[in-house]
Amino acid sequence: MNSKNNIFLIIFCLFSFIILNNWKKIHNYTKNNIIKKIISNSVFLEKKPKNIIKNIKKDTILVKTDKFYISINNNGGIEQVKLLNFFEKLHNKKFFTLLRKKSNFVYQVNNGIIKNERNYDVDFYKNNKFFTYSKFFILKKNQTKLKIPFFFIKNNILYIKTFIFTKGSYLIKINHSLFNLCNKPISLGFFSEINKSSITPQKYLNKKHNNMTIKTFDGVAFSTNKINFKKYKFSDILKKKNIHLNDYTRWIAMLQQYFTAVWILPHFSEKNTIYINKKNTNIISIGFKSPYYLILPGQKHNFKSQLWIGPKIPKIMSKISPFLDLTIDYGILGFLSKLLFQLLNFIFSIVNNWGLSIIIITLIIRILLYPLSEKQYITIAKMNFLQPEIQKMKEKYGNNKEIFSKKIISLYKENNINPFSGFFIFIIQMPIFLALYYMLINSIELRHAKFLFWIQDLSSEDPYYILPIFMSLTMIVIQYLSQNKYENNNSIQSKFIYIIPFVFSFFFLWLPSGLVLYYIINNIFTILQQKWIMYKMNNKNYKNI
């Protein structure tokens, strides 16, 4: 029995010696196989693409898809993004740069692994620099996906960060895989972050801002299980203390006019810590951190996230994550702006011209409001017809205001006149006007949208101010038609009403030309409507109208 035990002990010791002696070779073989397998599934370039990002650093990886030129540094962070379907300014052929890093302006995104300082400190995440097998990558025409893995190995821990680009999409998938090939457990977490300067230099803005227009929203936003949508202005963040909350995170975003950068969690399954704070003097940061995960020896752990970098497209963004379409700032009348945009978009799908679509939607609105506006103009016309009688009452009862007021009210009732009916159409029109304004300045579809001749951007002001001038002329015609022919037309009051259109049009000089176009069509419709009502009243007894 003892001899058998001795033989078993000898065999066990021999087997252990062989395992220990070859452990390093097996260990290295496992790591090499993992890397080789990932590399074999990827495509890369041998030469630098033409016209790609200029003045690029030596330690930067360049990526080109049908939507992006992207620069990724050797820490795995995206440094610069150019959008190939958008230009910086009208008549400027430079691609629009969304993310950048300059001495006077920073707009950056990054995500990766963070270690737990309290437990299992393996000195993993200090001075890590990724390596990859090429400096230049391109999504070819016959490809639908491009996978780019970045590798980092330290202390027998293999970290692979893989960027996955899809043809025709602004959504980038980023997968993190951690392989614990050492002999002790590690505790690591995951973070995503967006940093942006609170003040954007004028040359990086989409267009010039002036004091006569409402400025678009600049700030951060997030969505969680308890809070569907919450946003903070940069000015509020600079004043307040740091913001922290713990909840099931859907997404975090940096907001600006037309474009956005959003980190999205594909799995809404665990609580994360969202933080918003100020870095340095003027850099605003929003990010989230996951819980720490214990990775035992020989095991691996995957972290998945998605990054949207590009235009705010409501139809697509609403499908990616709940409430993501709310990143489009439609103002306090958002529900009405969305409704108008859906109708405008439907009309555009038929006529294929945004300017013509605005004209059609204006006519639709006026036709729907015709019964109310007709009452308004009939009331004005009746009051003009009654001016001789009102003047007689004023001469007779002018000294007694109480009797004069009763006589006027009685006269209005007799002729079925409601003097306040004119305010109803104004009250209804103002929300439509404001909703249309917010829609025009925040819908990416209308950015640099052409109409006719000199109007090359319906979301921006008329460069020659022809539309505002024409609008003031239509307002003068309306004032002329509304003028009481029974009053003294040489009075100061009668002349003053012709000055109002010029003053009013002054505020329209810097408004979007699409909005001015709406107002012009609206005024033309009003002129025709007034002419029609006057025609009916001249051919019928005005009391019966």
Protein backbone atom coordinates (compact mmCIF):
# COMPACT_ATOMS: atom_id res chain seq x y z
CA MET A 1 0.00 0.00 0.00
CA ASN A 2 2.86 2.35 0.90
CA SER A 3 4.66 1.60 -2.37
CA LYS A 4 1.52 2.54 -4.32
CA ASN A 5 1.25 5.83 -2.43
CA ASN A 6 4.90 6.58 -3.09
CA ILE A 7 4.47 5.91 -6.83
CA PHE A 8 1.39 8.21 -6.93
CA LEU A 9 3.30 10.96 -5.08
CA ILE A 10 6.23 10.72 -7.51
CA ILE A 11 3.88 10.95 -10.54
CA PHE A 12 2.06 13.95 -9.03
CA CYS A 13 5.34 15.79 -8.33
CA LEU A 14 6.60 15.07 -11.82
CA PHE A 15 3.37 16.31 -13.42
CA SER A 16 3.41 19.47 -11.26
CA PHE A 17 7.01 20.16 -12.27
CA ILE A 18 6.11 19.89 -15.99
CA ILE A 19 3.12 22.23 -15.56
CA LEU A 20 5.09 24.85 -13.64
CA ASN A 21 7.99 24.64 -16.05
CA ASN A 22 5.74 25.25 -19.08
CA TRP A 23 3.29 27.67 -17.47
CA LYS A 24 4.94 30.75 -18.98
CA LYS A 25 4.92 29.24 -22.48
CA ILE A 26 1.24 28.26 -22.15
CA HIS A 27 0.44 31.69 -20.72
CA ASN A 28 2.11 33.53 -23.59
CA TYR A 29 0.57 31.16 -26.13
CA THR A 30 -2.93 31.98 -24.79
CA LYS A 31 -2.31 35.74 -25.04
CA ASN A 32 -0.86 35.47 -28.54
CA ASN A 33 -3.81 33.37 -29.73
CA ILE A 34 -6.29 35.95 -28.42
CA ILE A 35 -4.50 38.80 -30.22
CA LYS A 36 -4.04 36.83 -33.46
CA LYS A 37 -7.72 35.91 -33.55
CA ILE A 38 -8.80 39.55 -33.18
CA ILE A 39 -6.30 40.81 -35.76
CA SER A 40 -7.41 38.23 -38.32
CA ASN A 41 -10.97 39.62 -38.19
CA SER A 42 -9.92 43.24 -38.92
CA VAL A 43 -9.01 45.21 -42.04
CA PHE A 44 -6.37 47.93 -42.15
CA LEU A 45 -4.59 50.19 -44.63
CA GLU A 46 -0.97 50.14 -45.63
CA LYS A 47 -0.97 53.76 -46.85
CA LYS A 48 -2.33 57.00 -45.47
CA PRO A 49 -5.61 58.10 -47.16
CA LYS A 50 -5.49 61.32 -49.17
CA ASN A 51 -7.01 64.52 -47.75
CA ILE A 52 -7.35 63.03 -44.27
CA ILE A 53 -6.91 65.15 -41.11
CA LYS A 54 -3.88 67.42 -41.49
CA ASN A 55 -1.19 68.18 -38.93
CA ILE A 56 -1.83 64.91 -37.12
CA LYS A 57 0.41 63.73 -34.31
CA LYS A 58 2.77 60.79 -34.73
CA ASP A 59 1.11 58.76 -31.96
CA THR A 60 -2.38 59.10 -33.49
CA ILE A 61 -4.48 56.55 -35.38
CA LEU A 62 -6.57 57.80 -38.34
CA VAL A 63 -9.93 56.31 -39.34
CA LYS A 64 -12.09 57.10 -42.38
CA THR A 65 -15.67 55.89 -42.91
CA ASP A 66 -18.48 57.20 -45.10
CA LYS A 67 -19.46 59.52 -42.22
CA PHE A 68 -16.25 60.41 -40.38
CA TYR A 69 -12.63 61.33 -40.39
CA ILE A 70 -11.59 60.34 -36.85
CA SER A 71 -8.34 60.77 -34.94
CA ILE A 72 -7.71 58.40 -31.99
CA ASN A 73 -4.74 58.89 -29.67
CA ASN A 74 -2.63 56.05 -28.21
CA ASN A 75 -4.58 56.27 -24.93
CA GLY A 76 -7.72 55.17 -26.77
CA GLY A 77 -9.37 58.61 -26.69
CA ILE A 78 -11.00 60.26 -29.70
CA GLU A 79 -9.25 63.59 -30.28
CA GLN A 80 -10.84 64.90 -33.46
CA VAL A 81 -13.95 64.14 -35.51
CA LYS A 82 -14.80 65.62 -38.90
CA LEU A 83 -18.29 64.97 -40.33
CA LEU A 84 -18.10 64.27 -44.06
CA ASN A 85 -21.76 65.12 -44.79
CA PHE A 86 -21.59 68.63 -43.31
CA PHE A 87 -19.51 71.70 -44.00
CA GLU A 88 -18.35 74.22 -41.41
CA LYS A 89 -20.10 77.18 -43.04
CA LEU A 90 -22.15 77.97 -46.11
CA HIS A 91 -20.03 78.10 -49.29
CA ASN A 92 -17.13 76.62 -47.30
CA LYS A 93 -15.91 73.20 -48.39
CA LYS A 94 -14.14 72.38 -45.12
CA PHE A 95 -15.74 69.45 -43.33
CA PHE A 96 -17.49 70.33 -40.08
CA THR A 97 -15.28 69.54 -37.06
CA LEU A 98 -17.29 68.45 -34.03
CA LEU A 99 -14.57 67.22 -31.65
CA ARG A 100 -11.23 68.99 -31.39
CA LYS A 101 -8.41 69.82 -28.99
CA LYS A 102 -6.90 73.28 -29.20
CA SER A 103 -5.19 75.62 -26.76
CA ASN A 104 -8.29 77.85 -26.57
CA PHE A 105 -10.98 75.21 -27.01
CA VAL A 106 -11.49 71.57 -25.99
CA TYR A 107 -14.26 69.17 -26.98
CA GLN A 108 -13.25 65.57 -26.24
CA VAL A 109 -14.75 62.16 -25.46
CA ASN A 110 -13.07 59.25 -23.72
CA ASN A 111 -13.90 56.03 -21.93
CA GLY A 112 -12.00 53.14 -20.48
CA ILE A 113 -11.08 51.14 -17.40
CA ILE A 114 -10.60 52.47 -13.88
CA LYS A 115 -9.09 50.40 -11.12
CA ASN A 116 -10.35 50.05 -7.59
CA GLU A 117 -7.77 51.77 -5.40
CA ARG A 118 -9.02 50.07 -2.24
CA ASN A 119 -8.65 46.41 -3.18
CA TYR A 120 -6.58 44.23 -5.51
CA ASP A 121 -4.23 47.02 -6.52
CA VAL A 122 -2.17 45.55 -9.36
CA ASP A 123 -0.76 48.84 -10.72
CA PHE A 124 -2.54 48.25 -14.02
CA TYR A 125 -3.79 51.58 -15.26
CA LYS A 126 -0.76 53.83 -14.86
CA ASN A 127 0.79 55.29 -18.03
CA ASN A 128 -0.97 52.81 -20.26
CA LYS A 129 -0.50 53.25 -24.00
CA PHE A 130 -2.37 51.12 -26.49
CA PHE A 131 -0.85 49.66 -29.60
CA THR A 132 -2.53 48.55 -32.79
CA TYR A 133 -1.30 46.98 -36.02
CA SER A 134 -1.71 50.02 -38.32
CA LYS A 135 -1.79 53.81 -38.28
CA PHE A 136 -4.53 54.21 -40.89
CA PHE A 137 -7.90 52.47 -41.26
CA ILE A 138 -10.68 52.84 -43.81
CA LEU A 139 -14.18 51.43 -44.24
CA LYS A 140 -14.20 50.29 -47.84
CA LYS A 141 -17.22 50.56 -50.14
CA ASN A 142 -17.89 46.82 -50.07
CA GLN A 143 -17.72 46.69 -46.25
CA THR A 144 -20.56 47.21 -43.79
CA LYS A 145 -18.42 47.16 -40.61
CA LEU A 146 -14.91 48.12 -39.59
CA LYS A 147 -13.41 46.74 -36.37
CA ILE A 148 -10.30 48.36 -34.94
CA PRO A 149 -8.79 46.71 -31.83
CA PHE A 150 -6.38 48.52 -29.50
CA PHE A 151 -4.20 46.39 -27.18
CA PHE A 152 -2.60 47.00 -23.83
CA ILE A 153 -0.70 44.36 -21.80
CA LYS A 154 0.69 44.88 -18.34
CA ASN A 155 1.30 42.62 -15.33
CA ASN A 156 -0.27 39.69 -17.19
CA ILE A 157 -3.50 41.60 -17.79
CA LEU A 158 -4.62 41.96 -21.39
CA TYR A 159 -6.92 44.89 -22.19
CA ILE A 160 -8.49 45.09 -25.66
CA LYS A 161 -10.52 48.15 -26.64
CA THR A 162 -12.34 47.61 -29.95
CA PHE A 163 -13.96 50.38 -32.01
CA ILE A 164 -16.72 49.13 -34.35
CA PHE A 165 -17.85 51.48 -37.14
CA THR A 166 -20.95 50.73 -39.24
CA LYS A 167 -21.57 51.98 -42.76
CA GLY A 168 -24.10 54.82 -42.93
CA SER A 169 -24.21 55.31 -39.15
CA TYR A 170 -23.03 57.94 -36.69
CA LEU A 171 -23.18 55.37 -33.90
CA ILE A 172 -19.85 53.86 -32.84
CA LYS A 173 -19.79 50.70 -30.70
CA ILE A 174 -16.88 50.42 -28.29
CA ASN A 175 -16.20 47.08 -26.58
CA HIS A 176 -13.75 46.63 -23.71
CA SER A 177 -12.41 43.14 -22.93
CA LEU A 178 -10.25 42.45 -19.89
CA PHE A 179 -8.37 39.13 -19.63
CA ASN A 180 -6.94 38.35 -16.21
CA LEU A 181 -3.94 36.14 -17.03
CA CYS A 182 -2.21 36.68 -13.69
CA ASN A 183 -2.45 34.54 -10.55
CA LYS A 184 -4.50 36.92 -8.37
CA PRO A 185 -7.91 38.62 -8.71
CA ILE A 186 -8.31 42.17 -9.93
CA SER A 187 -11.08 44.73 -9.33
CA LEU A 188 -11.79 47.14 -12.18
CA GLY A 189 -14.59 49.43 -13.33
CA PHE A 190 -15.59 51.32 -16.43
CA PHE A 191 -16.09 55.03 -17.19
CA SER A 192 -17.28 57.27 -20.05
CA GLU A 193 -16.76 61.02 -20.16
CA ILE A 194 -17.32 64.11 -22.33
CA ASN A 195 -15.35 67.33 -21.80
CA LYS A 196 -16.03 70.67 -23.44
CA SER A 197 -14.97 74.28 -22.97
CA SER A 198 -17.85 76.38 -21.65
CA ILE A 199 -17.01 79.20 -24.07
CA THR A 200 -16.81 78.44 -27.79
CA PRO A 201 -14.64 80.79 -29.89
CA GLN A 202 -16.57 82.65 -32.60
CA LYS A 203 -14.70 80.91 -35.43
CA TYR A 204 -15.95 77.50 -34.26
CA LEU A 205 -19.62 78.52 -34.11
CA ASN A 206 -22.07 77.40 -36.81
CA LYS A 207 -23.05 81.02 -37.44
CA LYS A 208 -22.73 84.46 -35.91
CA HIS A 209 -24.91 85.21 -32.90
CA ASN A 210 -26.42 88.61 -32.29
CA ASN A 211 -28.51 90.19 -29.58
CA MET A 212 -31.65 90.23 -31.73
CA THR A 213 -32.05 86.45 -31.84
CA ILE A 214 -32.69 83.80 -29.22
CA LYS A 215 -29.49 81.87 -28.52
CA THR A 216 -29.55 78.09 -28.82
CA PHE A 217 -28.99 75.83 -25.82
CA ASP A 218 -25.42 74.93 -24.80
CA GLY A 219 -25.01 72.49 -21.93
CA VAL A 220 -25.20 68.88 -20.78
CA ALA A 221 -28.04 66.38 -20.41
CA PHE A 222 -28.62 62.85 -19.15
CA SER A 223 -31.33 60.21 -18.86
CA THR A 224 -31.80 57.64 -16.09
CA ASN A 225 -34.44 55.27 -14.79
CA LYS A 226 -35.91 57.92 -12.48
CA ILE A 227 -35.19 61.00 -14.62
CA ASN A 228 -36.23 60.66 -18.27
CA PHE A 229 -34.48 63.85 -19.34
CA LYS A 230 -32.55 66.48 -17.43
CA LYS A 231 -30.36 69.26 -18.80
CA TYR A 232 -28.09 71.94 -17.32
CA LYS A 233 -26.78 75.09 -18.97
CA PHE A 234 -23.05 75.73 -18.84
CA SER A 235 -23.71 78.94 -16.91
CA ASP A 236 -25.64 76.99 -14.24
CA ILE A 237 -22.86 74.40 -13.87
CA LEU A 238 -20.23 77.11 -13.44
CA LYS A 239 -22.27 78.59 -10.58
CA LYS A 240 -23.34 75.37 -8.87
CA LYS A 241 -21.28 72.79 -7.04
CA ASN A 242 -20.48 69.43 -8.57
CA ILE A 243 -23.51 67.26 -9.37
CA HIS A 244 -23.51 63.53 -8.50
CA LEU A 245 -26.28 60.94 -8.60
CA ASN A 246 -26.51 57.17 -8.61
CA ASP A 247 -29.09 55.52 -10.85
CA TYR A 248 -29.61 53.19 -13.80
CA THR A 249 -28.07 55.26 -16.59
CA ARG A 250 -29.39 55.38 -20.14
CA TRP A 251 -27.13 58.04 -21.66
CA ILE A 252 -25.17 61.26 -21.08
CA ALA A 253 -24.79 64.02 -23.67
CA MET A 254 -23.10 67.31 -24.51
CA LEU A 255 -25.58 69.61 -26.28
CA GLN A 256 -25.14 72.36 -28.85
CA GLN A 257 -26.96 73.59 -31.93
CA TYR A 258 -27.56 70.85 -34.54
CA PHE A 259 -24.89 68.38 -33.26
CA THR A 260 -24.19 66.31 -30.16
CA ALA A 261 -21.87 63.76 -28.57
CA VAL A 262 -23.64 61.07 -26.53
CA TRP A 263 -22.41 58.10 -24.51
CA ILE A 264 -25.08 55.39 -24.48
CA LEU A 265 -25.28 52.29 -22.29
CA PRO A 266 -26.82 49.47 -24.34
CA HIS A 267 -27.81 47.47 -21.25
CA PHE A 268 -30.01 49.23 -18.73
CA SER A 269 -29.19 46.67 -16.00
CA GLU A 270 -27.03 48.29 -13.29
CA LYS A 271 -26.63 51.51 -11.37
CA ASN A 272 -23.90 53.94 -12.37
CA THR A 273 -22.62 57.15 -10.84
CA ILE A 274 -23.29 60.19 -13.05
CA TYR A 275 -21.15 63.23 -12.38
CA ILE A 276 -21.17 66.79 -13.76
CA ASN A 277 -18.42 69.16 -12.72
CA LYS A 278 -16.07 71.95 -13.75
CA LYS A 279 -12.47 71.17 -14.65
CA ASN A 280 -9.79 73.84 -14.59
CA THR A 281 -11.37 77.24 -15.19
CA ASN A 282 -13.83 76.76 -18.03
CA ILE A 283 -14.04 73.07 -19.01
CA ILE A 284 -17.33 71.32 -18.27
CA SER A 285 -17.27 67.55 -17.77
CA ILE A 286 -20.11 65.02 -17.72
CA GLY A 287 -19.51 61.31 -17.26
CA PHE A 288 -20.53 58.11 -15.55
CA LYS A 289 -18.70 55.37 -13.65
CA SER A 290 -19.77 51.76 -13.33
CA PRO A 291 -19.50 49.64 -10.18
CA TYR A 292 -16.24 47.72 -9.70
CA TYR A 293 -16.13 44.12 -10.91
CA LEU A 294 -14.03 41.33 -9.46
CA ILE A 295 -12.20 39.39 -12.19
CA LEU A 296 -10.70 36.13 -10.95
CA PRO A 297 -7.50 34.59 -12.38
CA GLY A 298 -8.09 33.06 -15.82
CA GLN A 299 -11.37 34.91 -16.29
CA LYS A 300 -12.38 37.83 -18.52
CA HIS A 301 -14.93 40.63 -18.31
CA ASN A 302 -16.57 42.68 -21.08
CA PHE A 303 -17.79 46.28 -20.91
CA LYS A 304 -19.93 47.58 -23.76
CA SER A 305 -20.91 51.13 -24.67
CA GLN A 306 -22.02 53.14 -27.68
CA LEU A 307 -21.03 56.62 -28.82
CA TRP A 308 -23.15 58.86 -31.04
CA ILE A 309 -21.11 61.62 -32.66
CA GLY A 310 -22.96 63.69 -35.20
CA PRO A 311 -26.16 65.51 -36.10
CA LYS A 312 -29.34 65.40 -34.04
CA ILE A 313 -31.62 63.21 -36.15
CA PRO A 314 -34.81 62.62 -34.10
CA LYS A 315 -36.16 59.69 -36.10
CA ILE A 316 -32.96 57.66 -35.66
CA MET A 317 -31.98 58.80 -32.17
CA SER A 318 -35.36 57.91 -30.66
CA LYS A 319 -34.79 54.29 -31.76
CA ILE A 320 -31.28 54.07 -30.29
CA SER A 321 -32.25 54.96 -26.71
CA PRO A 322 -35.41 56.25 -24.98
CA PHE A 323 -35.75 60.04 -24.78
CA LEU A 324 -32.55 60.60 -26.80
CA ASP A 325 -34.50 62.71 -29.31
CA LEU A 326 -35.10 65.24 -26.50
CA THR A 327 -31.52 66.42 -27.01
CA ILE A 328 -33.01 68.54 -29.82
CA ASP A 329 -33.98 71.80 -28.15
CA TYR A 330 -37.42 72.75 -29.48
CA GLY A 331 -37.95 75.33 -26.74
CA ILE A 332 -40.89 75.70 -24.35
CA LEU A 333 -43.32 74.76 -27.13
CA GLY A 334 -41.52 71.55 -28.00
CA PHE A 335 -44.65 69.49 -28.64
CA LEU A 336 -45.85 72.04 -31.23
CA SER A 337 -42.40 72.34 -32.84
CA LYS A 338 -42.23 68.55 -33.22
CA LEU A 339 -45.69 68.47 -34.77
CA LEU A 340 -44.77 71.24 -37.22
CA PHE A 341 -41.51 69.50 -38.11
CA GLN A 342 -43.26 66.18 -38.77
CA LEU A 343 -45.73 67.94 -41.07
CA LEU A 344 -42.93 69.93 -42.73
CA ASN A 345 -40.85 66.78 -43.21
CA PHE A 346 -43.82 64.98 -44.77
CA ILE A 347 -44.40 67.84 -47.21
CA PHE A 348 -40.66 67.91 -48.04
CA SER A 349 -40.78 64.18 -48.91
CA ILE A 350 -43.26 65.13 -51.65
CA VAL A 351 -41.97 68.48 -53.00
CA ASN A 352 -38.24 68.05 -52.16
CA ASN A 353 -37.73 71.72 -51.33
CA TRP A 354 -37.71 73.10 -47.77
CA GLY A 355 -38.69 76.62 -48.84
CA LEU A 356 -41.68 75.37 -50.79
CA SER A 357 -42.54 73.14 -47.82
CA ILE A 358 -42.62 76.22 -45.55
CA ILE A 359 -44.95 77.99 -48.01
CA ILE A 360 -47.30 74.99 -48.09
CA ILE A 361 -47.33 74.57 -44.30
CA THR A 362 -48.09 78.31 -43.94
CA LEU A 363 -51.07 77.97 -46.26
CA ILE A 364 -52.29 74.89 -44.34
CA ILE A 365 -52.08 76.81 -41.05
CA ARG A 366 -53.93 79.82 -42.48
CA ILE A 367 -56.67 77.65 -44.00
CA LEU A 368 -57.18 75.93 -40.63
CA LEU A 369 -57.31 79.31 -38.88
CA TYR A 370 -59.47 80.93 -41.57
CA PRO A 371 -62.76 80.90 -39.57
CA LEU A 372 -61.08 82.74 -36.66
CA SER A 373 -59.21 85.24 -38.81
CA GLU A 374 -62.37 85.89 -40.86
CA LYS A 375 -64.22 86.91 -37.69
CA GLN A 376 -61.32 89.19 -36.78
CA TYR A 377 -61.32 91.03 -40.12
CA ILE A 378 -65.12 91.24 -40.25
CA THR A 379 -65.06 92.79 -36.78
CA ILE A 380 -62.47 95.35 -37.90
CA ALA A 381 -64.45 96.14 -41.05
CA LYS A 382 -67.73 96.52 -39.12
CA MET A 383 -66.08 98.82 -36.59
CA ASN A 384 -64.83 100.97 -39.47
CA PHE A 385 -68.35 101.15 -40.93
CA LEU A 386 -69.70 102.17 -37.52
CA GLN A 387 -67.22 105.01 -37.03
CA PRO A 388 -69.67 107.76 -38.12
CA GLU A 389 -72.21 106.60 -35.53
CA ILE A 390 -69.52 106.23 -32.85
CA GLN A 391 -68.32 109.76 -33.61
CA LYS A 392 -71.87 111.12 -33.16
CA MET A 393 -72.17 109.32 -29.80
CA LYS A 394 -68.85 110.74 -28.74
CA GLU A 395 -70.00 114.27 -29.52
CA LYS A 396 -73.29 113.73 -27.70
CA TYR A 397 -72.17 111.68 -24.66
CA GLY A 398 -68.43 112.40 -24.59
CA ASN A 399 -68.62 114.21 -21.27
CA ASN A 400 -70.35 111.27 -19.56
CA LYS A 401 -68.05 108.25 -19.88
CA GLU A 402 -70.48 105.82 -18.22
CA ILE A 403 -73.34 106.57 -20.64
CA PHE A 404 -70.95 106.65 -23.60
CA SER A 405 -69.57 103.19 -22.68
CA LYS A 406 -73.10 101.74 -22.38
CA LYS A 407 -74.09 103.18 -25.77
CA ILE A 408 -70.97 101.73 -27.42
CA ILE A 409 -71.57 98.27 -25.88
CA SER A 410 -75.20 98.41 -27.02
CA LEU A 411 -74.10 99.39 -30.55
CA TYR A 412 -71.62 96.47 -30.67
CA LYS A 413 -74.27 94.00 -29.50
CA GLU A 414 -76.76 95.29 -32.07
CA ASN A 415 -74.22 94.73 -34.86
CA ASN A 416 -72.90 91.41 -33.44
CA ILE A 417 -69.41 92.75 -32.80
CA ASN A 418 -66.93 91.37 -30.29
CA PRO A 419 -64.09 93.95 -30.06
CA PHE A 420 -61.80 91.38 -28.39
CA SER A 421 -62.11 88.78 -31.17
CA GLY A 422 -59.02 90.20 -32.83
CA PHE A 423 -56.88 89.03 -29.93
CA PHE A 424 -57.83 85.36 -30.39
CA ILE A 425 -56.08 85.01 -33.73
CA PHE A 426 -53.03 86.82 -32.34
CA ILE A 427 -52.86 84.52 -29.30
CA ILE A 428 -53.08 81.43 -31.51
CA GLN A 429 -50.55 82.71 -34.07
CA MET A 430 -47.82 83.61 -31.56
CA PRO A 431 -47.20 80.01 -30.31
CA ILE A 432 -47.06 78.82 -33.93
CA PHE A 433 -44.58 81.59 -34.75
CA LEU A 434 -42.31 80.72 -31.79
CA ALA A 435 -42.55 76.96 -32.41
CA LEU A 436 -41.61 77.47 -36.05
CA TYR A 437 -38.67 79.65 -35.00
CA TYR A 438 -37.24 77.00 -32.66
CA MET A 439 -37.81 74.32 -35.28
CA LEU A 440 -35.95 76.30 -37.96
CA ILE A 441 -32.87 77.03 -35.83
CA ASN A 442 -32.55 73.54 -34.29
CA SER A 443 -33.49 71.08 -37.06
CA ILE A 444 -30.34 69.78 -38.76
CA GLU A 445 -32.38 69.11 -41.90
CA LEU A 446 -32.82 72.86 -42.41
CA ARG A 447 -29.16 73.77 -41.83
CA HIS A 448 -27.82 75.14 -45.14
CA ALA A 449 -31.15 74.22 -46.80
CA LYS A 450 -31.55 76.06 -50.12
CA PHE A 451 -34.72 77.69 -51.42
CA LEU A 452 -34.46 79.92 -54.50
CA PHE A 453 -31.85 82.25 -55.98
CA TRP A 454 -30.00 84.07 -53.16
CA ILE A 455 -31.62 82.13 -50.29
CA GLN A 456 -29.09 79.36 -49.70
CA ASP A 457 -29.76 78.74 -46.00
CA LEU A 458 -33.30 78.89 -44.63
CA SER A 459 -32.03 78.56 -41.06
CA SER A 460 -29.95 81.73 -41.36
CA GLU A 461 -30.69 85.39 -42.08
CA ASP A 462 -31.25 86.72 -45.59
CA PRO A 463 -27.75 87.93 -46.66
CA TYR A 464 -29.21 90.83 -48.69
CA TYR A 465 -32.25 91.51 -46.41
CA ILE A 466 -34.60 91.33 -49.40
CA LEU A 467 -37.16 89.16 -47.63
CA PRO A 468 -37.44 91.45 -44.53
CA ILE A 469 -37.90 94.49 -46.81
CA PHE A 470 -40.58 92.71 -48.84
CA MET A 471 -42.25 91.65 -45.60
CA SER A 472 -42.43 95.28 -44.43
CA LEU A 473 -44.14 96.20 -47.73
CA THR A 474 -46.80 93.53 -47.21
CA MET A 475 -47.38 94.90 -43.70
CA ILE A 476 -47.89 98.41 -45.13
CA VAL A 477 -50.53 97.02 -47.52
CA ILE A 478 -52.29 95.32 -44.60
CA GLN A 479 -52.24 98.57 -42.62
CA TYR A 480 -53.66 100.45 -45.61
CA LEU A 481 -56.50 97.98 -46.07
CA SER A 482 -57.26 98.03 -42.34
CA GLN A 483 -57.29 101.84 -42.16
CA ASN A 484 -60.62 103.45 -41.39
CA LYS A 485 -61.70 105.42 -44.43
CA TYR A 486 -64.04 107.51 -42.29
CA GLU A 487 -61.21 108.90 -40.17
CA ASN A 488 -58.99 111.83 -41.06
CA ASN A 489 -56.12 110.22 -42.99
CA ASN A 490 -53.93 113.27 -42.52
CA SER A 491 -53.82 112.85 -38.76
CA ILE A 492 -50.56 111.96 -37.01
CA GLN A 493 -52.05 108.66 -35.86
CA SER A 494 -52.94 107.58 -39.40
CA LYS A 495 -49.38 108.32 -40.57
CA PHE A 496 -47.78 106.61 -37.61
CA ILE A 497 -49.27 103.22 -38.52
CA TYR A 498 -47.10 103.23 -41.65
CA ILE A 499 -43.95 103.62 -39.58
CA ILE A 500 -44.73 100.51 -37.49
CA PRO A 501 -44.03 98.01 -40.34
CA PHE A 502 -40.52 99.41 -40.83
CA VAL A 503 -39.79 99.24 -37.10
CA PHE A 504 -41.21 95.71 -36.92
CA SER A 505 -39.23 94.52 -39.95
CA PHE A 506 -36.01 95.74 -38.31
CA PHE A 507 -36.28 92.87 -35.82
CA PHE A 508 -36.67 90.41 -38.71
CA LEU A 509 -33.37 91.35 -40.37
CA TRP A 510 -31.46 88.73 -38.35
CA LEU A 511 -34.15 86.07 -38.04
CA PRO A 512 -33.97 82.86 -40.13
CA SER A 513 -35.04 83.52 -43.71
CA GLY A 514 -37.39 80.54 -43.47
CA LEU A 515 -39.28 82.31 -40.69
CA VAL A 516 -39.45 85.57 -42.68
CA LEU A 517 -40.72 83.55 -45.66
CA TYR A 518 -43.47 82.14 -43.43
CA TYR A 519 -44.46 85.66 -42.36
CA ILE A 520 -44.51 86.96 -45.96
CA ILE A 521 -46.82 84.17 -47.13
CA ASN A 522 -48.92 84.72 -44.03
CA ASN A 523 -49.24 88.45 -44.87
CA ILE A 524 -50.09 87.79 -48.53
CA PHE A 525 -52.84 85.42 -47.39
CA THR A 526 -54.08 88.14 -45.00
CA ILE A 527 -54.20 90.73 -47.82
CA LEU A 528 -56.23 88.41 -50.06
CA GLN A 529 -58.51 87.53 -47.17
CA GLN A 530 -59.12 91.19 -46.32
CA LYS A 531 -59.88 92.02 -49.97
CA TRP A 532 -62.36 89.14 -50.13
CA ILE A 533 -64.12 90.18 -46.90
CA MET A 534 -64.38 93.81 -48.04
CA TYR A 535 -65.82 92.63 -51.34
CA LYS A 536 -68.53 90.66 -49.52
CA MET A 537 -69.33 93.54 -47.20
CA ASN A 538 -69.65 96.03 -50.05
CA ASN A 539 -72.11 93.76 -51.83
CA LYS A 540 -74.17 92.76 -48.77
CA ASN A 541 -75.61 94.29 -45.66
CA TYR A 542 -72.62 94.24 -43.28
CA LYS A 543 -74.95 93.60 -40.31
CA ASN A 544 -75.85 90.19 -41.76
CA ILE A 545 -72.26 89.06 -42.24
